[in-house]
């Protein structure tokens, strides 16, 4: 490719005509359209009303991407409408521990978990140097 460019540049320097066909016209950039079956729909905001599974999936995605602050806010939004949601409680607690912000709210969430989940969350938070109880 580099050799072709060099030949074209040298040919132009010496006044030779370019015999190549003109490039095809460029099409305008695609505009944002409604999602098609092949493109995924954008995630719904976590605090928007909607199916609980979608909101939890969005919450898990935030946590998996290490957006702990966003995950904590999203978990609190879910817990406002479903205060006994174990998955949201676990993600909220893990997020607070990862951020090093273990407050009375995090401890209150921990107390609402079943004993097995309390043990799991205690171990996970200890990895961040945080003690729950």
Protein backbone atom coordinates (compact mmCIF):
# COMPACT_ATOMS: atom_id res chain seq x y z
CA UNK A 1 0.00 0.00 0.00
CA UNK A 2 2.80 2.38 0.87
CA UNK A 3 4.40 1.79 -2.56
CA UNK A 4 1.15 2.69 -4.34
CA UNK A 5 0.88 5.94 -2.41
CA UNK A 6 4.46 6.80 -3.29
CA UNK A 7 3.81 6.12 -6.98
CA UNK A 8 0.71 8.33 -6.96
CA UNK A 9 2.55 11.17 -5.19
CA UNK A 10 5.49 11.00 -7.59
CA UNK A 11 3.15 10.84 -10.59
CA UNK A 12 1.34 13.98 -9.40
CA UNK A 13 4.66 15.75 -8.91
CA UNK A 14 5.52 15.15 -12.57
CA UNK A 15 2.10 16.17 -13.86
CA UNK A 16 0.82 12.73 -14.76
CA UNK A 17 -2.93 12.25 -14.87
CA UNK A 18 -4.58 9.95 -12.37
CA UNK A 19 -6.38 7.26 -14.38
CA UNK A 20 -7.97 5.57 -11.42
CA UNK A 21 -11.77 5.72 -11.17
CA UNK A 22 -13.09 8.23 -8.64
CA UNK A 23 -13.96 6.81 -5.22
CA UNK A 24 -17.62 6.03 -4.59
CA UNK A 25 -19.59 8.77 -2.83
CA UNK A 26 -19.62 8.44 0.92
CA UNK A 27 -22.94 7.86 2.58
CA UNK A 28 -24.00 10.02 5.51
CA UNK A 29 -23.28 8.57 8.95
CA UNK A 30 -26.06 6.41 10.34
CA UNK A 31 -28.43 8.18 12.65
CA UNK A 32 -29.61 6.86 15.96
CA UNK A 33 -32.64 4.76 15.20
CA UNK A 34 -34.87 2.50 17.17
CA UNK A 35 -33.16 -0.73 18.20
CA UNK A 36 -33.42 -3.48 15.66
CA UNK A 37 -33.49 -7.19 16.44
CA UNK A 38 -29.74 -7.32 15.78
CA UNK A 39 -28.79 -4.35 17.98
CA UNK A 40 -29.34 -4.52 21.74
CA UNK A 41 -31.53 -1.96 23.41
CA UNK A 42 -29.78 0.46 25.75
CA UNK A 43 -30.06 -0.51 29.41
CA UNK A 44 -32.92 1.06 31.33
CA UNK A 45 -32.03 3.37 34.19
CA UNK A 46 -32.01 1.41 37.43
CA UNK A 47 -34.28 3.83 39.26
CA UNK A 48 -36.88 3.73 36.48
CA UNK A 49 -39.86 1.48 37.05
CA UNK A 50 -39.58 -1.70 35.07
CA UNK A 51 -39.11 -5.41 35.36
CA UNK A 52 -37.05 -6.27 38.40
CA UNK A 53 -34.82 -8.61 36.41
CA UNK A 54 -33.78 -5.80 34.04
CA UNK A 55 -32.97 -3.51 36.94
CA UNK A 56 -30.95 -6.22 38.68
CA UNK A 57 -29.06 -7.01 35.47
CA UNK A 58 -28.15 -3.35 35.10
CA UNK A 59 -27.10 -3.28 38.74
CA UNK A 60 -24.90 -6.36 38.30
CA UNK A 61 -23.35 -4.85 35.17
CA UNK A 62 -22.38 -1.71 37.10
CA UNK A 63 -20.78 -3.79 39.83
CA UNK A 64 -18.98 -6.06 37.34
CA UNK A 65 -17.49 -3.00 35.64
CA UNK A 66 -16.15 -1.87 39.03
CA UNK A 67 -18.46 1.16 39.10
CA UNK A 68 -18.99 0.68 42.82
CA UNK A 69 -20.44 4.14 43.43
CA UNK A 70 -22.96 3.66 40.63
CA UNK A 71 -23.77 0.17 41.85
CA UNK A 72 -24.38 1.42 45.39
CA UNK A 73 -26.76 4.13 44.17
CA UNK A 74 -28.55 1.68 41.87
CA UNK A 75 -28.84 -0.91 44.65
CA UNK A 76 -30.37 1.68 46.98
CA UNK A 77 -32.91 2.56 44.29
CA UNK A 78 -33.93 -1.09 44.01
CA UNK A 79 -33.99 -1.55 47.79
CA UNK A 80 -36.42 1.38 48.14
CA UNK A 81 -39.06 -0.66 46.31
CA UNK A 82 -37.88 -4.16 47.29
CA UNK A 83 -36.09 -3.91 50.66
CA UNK A 84 -35.61 -7.68 51.03
CA UNK A 85 -33.96 -8.28 47.65
CA UNK A 86 -30.95 -10.42 48.61
CA UNK A 87 -29.05 -9.78 45.38
CA UNK A 88 -29.41 -5.99 45.71
CA UNK A 89 -28.45 -6.16 49.40
CA UNK A 90 -25.30 -8.16 48.59
CA UNK A 91 -24.25 -5.82 45.78
CA UNK A 92 -24.91 -2.75 47.94
CA UNK A 93 -22.80 -4.13 50.79
CA UNK A 94 -19.99 -5.24 48.47
CA UNK A 95 -19.98 -1.83 46.78
CA UNK A 96 -19.79 0.02 50.09
CA UNK A 97 -16.93 -2.22 51.23
CA UNK A 98 -15.04 -1.73 47.96
CA UNK A 99 -15.42 2.03 48.36
CA UNK A 100 -14.38 1.83 52.01
CA UNK A 101 -17.64 3.54 53.00
CA UNK A 102 -19.12 1.20 55.55
CA UNK A 103 -21.80 3.21 57.30
CA UNK A 104 -24.75 2.36 59.50
CA UNK A 105 -26.74 1.84 56.29
CA UNK A 106 -24.32 -0.84 55.07
CA UNK A 107 -24.42 -2.55 58.44
CA UNK A 108 -28.23 -2.40 58.45
CA UNK A 109 -28.26 -4.07 55.04
CA UNK A 110 -25.86 -6.73 56.36
CA UNK A 111 -28.16 -7.47 59.33
CA UNK A 112 -31.08 -8.11 56.94
CA UNK A 113 -29.19 -10.88 55.14
CA UNK A 114 -29.55 -14.59 56.00
CA UNK A 115 -26.65 -15.97 58.12
CA UNK A 116 -24.89 -17.66 55.17
CA UNK A 117 -24.95 -14.43 53.16
CA UNK A 118 -23.73 -12.49 56.20
CA UNK A 119 -20.71 -14.80 56.39
CA UNK A 120 -20.03 -14.40 52.66
CA UNK A 121 -20.26 -10.61 52.84
CA UNK A 122 -18.06 -10.48 55.95
CA UNK A 123 -15.36 -12.46 54.13
CA UNK A 124 -15.64 -10.33 50.99
CA UNK A 125 -15.44 -7.08 52.94
CA UNK A 126 -12.43 -8.29 54.91
CA UNK A 127 -10.58 -8.45 51.58
CA UNK A 128 -11.06 -4.66 51.41
CA UNK A 129 -9.96 -4.24 55.03
CA UNK A 130 -13.51 -3.66 56.26
CA UNK A 131 -15.07 -5.45 59.21
CA UNK A 132 -18.83 -5.83 59.37
CA UNK A 133 -20.81 -6.74 62.52
